[in-house]
């Protein structure tokens, strides 16, 4: 098998996988944001507004801002920034990854 054909096949698989995961991620992202906006509307105008009292509009505002952030969030941009950081500073990135791994391991070990 030639190296060139392997690279082109790998690139095609990455592109195909990237489109699938990107689409499903965007669907989930928009679904969550829409639900947040729905809850925010209920807290401001619906039955929840009576239960929440004076805090309803404040909570509604925070939920709307969160929904806007989720709608605008671009994981590709974050991925590019993380990859850039890892390339610039591999030592600290490795230490951070190790620390996160230890914390996650400790959390799952206790369960």
Protein backbone atom coordinates (compact mmCIF):
# COMPACT_ATOMS: atom_id res chain seq x y z
CA UNK A 1 0.00 0.00 0.00
CA UNK A 2 1.37 3.39 -0.94
CA UNK A 3 1.82 6.10 1.67
CA UNK A 4 -0.08 8.61 -0.46
CA UNK A 5 -3.17 6.42 -0.74
CA UNK A 6 -3.13 5.81 3.02
CA UNK A 7 -2.95 9.55 3.69
CA UNK A 8 -5.79 10.32 1.27
CA UNK A 9 -7.95 7.55 2.76
CA UNK A 10 -7.19 8.84 6.27
CA UNK A 11 -8.07 12.39 5.23
CA UNK A 12 -11.34 11.21 3.67
CA UNK A 13 -12.25 9.31 6.84
CA UNK A 14 -11.43 12.33 9.01
CA UNK A 15 -13.51 14.60 6.81
CA UNK A 16 -16.43 12.15 6.82
CA UNK A 17 -16.19 11.61 10.58
CA UNK A 18 -15.77 15.33 11.20
CA UNK A 19 -18.91 16.19 9.26
CA UNK A 20 -20.94 13.57 11.10
CA UNK A 21 -19.75 14.53 14.57
CA UNK A 22 -19.99 18.23 13.76
CA UNK A 23 -23.57 17.88 12.63
CA UNK A 24 -24.66 15.81 15.65
CA UNK A 25 -22.80 18.13 18.02
CA UNK A 26 -24.51 21.16 16.49
CA UNK A 27 -27.90 19.45 16.78
CA UNK A 28 -27.36 18.70 20.48
CA UNK A 29 -25.96 22.18 21.08
CA UNK A 30 -28.98 23.88 19.52
CA UNK A 31 -31.39 21.55 21.29
CA UNK A 32 -29.91 22.43 24.69
CA UNK A 33 -29.90 26.14 23.89
CA UNK A 34 -33.53 26.01 22.76
CA UNK A 35 -34.57 24.25 25.97
CA UNK A 36 -32.75 26.86 28.04
CA UNK A 37 -34.58 29.62 26.20
CA UNK A 38 -37.89 27.84 26.74
CA UNK A 39 -37.27 27.54 30.48
CA UNK A 40 -36.16 31.18 30.58
CA UNK A 41 -39.41 32.26 28.94
CA UNK A 42 -41.44 30.19 31.42
CA UNK A 43 -39.59 31.76 34.33
CA UNK A 44 -40.22 35.23 33.04
CA UNK A 45 -43.79 34.95 31.73
CA UNK A 46 -45.22 31.56 32.66
CA UNK A 47 -46.26 29.75 35.81
CA UNK A 48 -42.72 29.68 37.10
CA UNK A 49 -42.70 33.47 37.32
CA UNK A 50 -45.10 33.31 40.27
CA UNK A 51 -43.02 30.67 42.03
CA UNK A 52 -39.73 32.48 41.43
CA UNK A 53 -41.06 35.86 42.51
CA UNK A 54 -38.64 38.72 42.04
CA UNK A 55 -35.79 36.38 41.07
CA UNK A 56 -37.60 35.02 38.01
CA UNK A 57 -36.50 37.78 35.61
CA UNK A 58 -32.91 37.55 36.86
CA UNK A 59 -32.76 33.78 36.40
CA UNK A 60 -34.48 34.15 33.03
CA UNK A 61 -31.84 36.66 31.94
CA UNK A 62 -28.99 34.33 32.98
CA UNK A 63 -30.59 31.39 31.14
CA UNK A 64 -31.04 33.49 27.99
CA UNK A 65 -27.40 34.60 28.09
CA UNK A 66 -26.34 30.96 28.56
CA UNK A 67 -28.47 29.91 25.58
CA UNK A 68 -26.90 32.64 23.42
CA UNK A 69 -23.42 31.49 24.45
CA UNK A 70 -24.24 27.88 23.60
CA UNK A 71 -25.66 28.90 20.20
CA UNK A 72 -22.48 30.84 19.38
CA UNK A 73 -20.02 28.28 20.82
CA UNK A 74 -17.68 26.86 18.19
CA UNK A 75 -15.82 23.78 19.37
CA UNK A 76 -13.50 23.92 16.34
CA UNK A 77 -12.18 27.28 17.52
CA UNK A 78 -11.59 25.93 21.03
CA UNK A 79 -9.90 22.85 19.57
CA UNK A 80 -7.57 25.03 17.49
CA UNK A 81 -6.65 27.10 20.56
CA UNK A 82 -5.94 24.00 22.64
CA UNK A 83 -3.82 22.46 19.90
CA UNK A 84 -1.89 25.73 19.55
CA UNK A 85 -1.26 25.84 23.30
CA UNK A 86 -0.06 22.24 23.33
CA UNK A 87 2.33 22.91 20.44
CA UNK A 88 3.69 26.09 22.08
CA UNK A 89 3.96 24.71 25.61
CA UNK A 90 4.00 20.90 25.63
CA UNK A 91 5.38 20.60 29.20
CA UNK A 92 2.64 22.53 31.00
CA UNK A 93 0.01 20.95 28.73
CA UNK A 94 1.23 17.50 29.73
CA UNK A 95 1.15 18.44 33.42
CA UNK A 96 -2.40 19.80 33.09
CA UNK A 97 -3.54 16.64 31.26
CA UNK A 98 -1.93 14.46 33.94
CA UNK A 99 -3.56 16.43 36.76
CA UNK A 100 -6.97 16.21 35.10
CA UNK A 101 -6.47 12.46 34.61
CA UNK A 102 -5.59 11.99 38.28
CA UNK A 103 -8.65 13.97 39.40
CA UNK A 104 -11.00 12.04 37.13
CA UNK A 105 -9.42 8.76 38.24
CA UNK A 106 -9.86 9.67 41.90
CA UNK A 107 -13.51 10.60 41.33
CA UNK A 108 -14.33 7.32 39.60
CA UNK A 109 -12.37 5.23 42.10
CA UNK A 110 -14.58 6.48 44.94
CA UNK A 111 -17.77 5.35 43.26
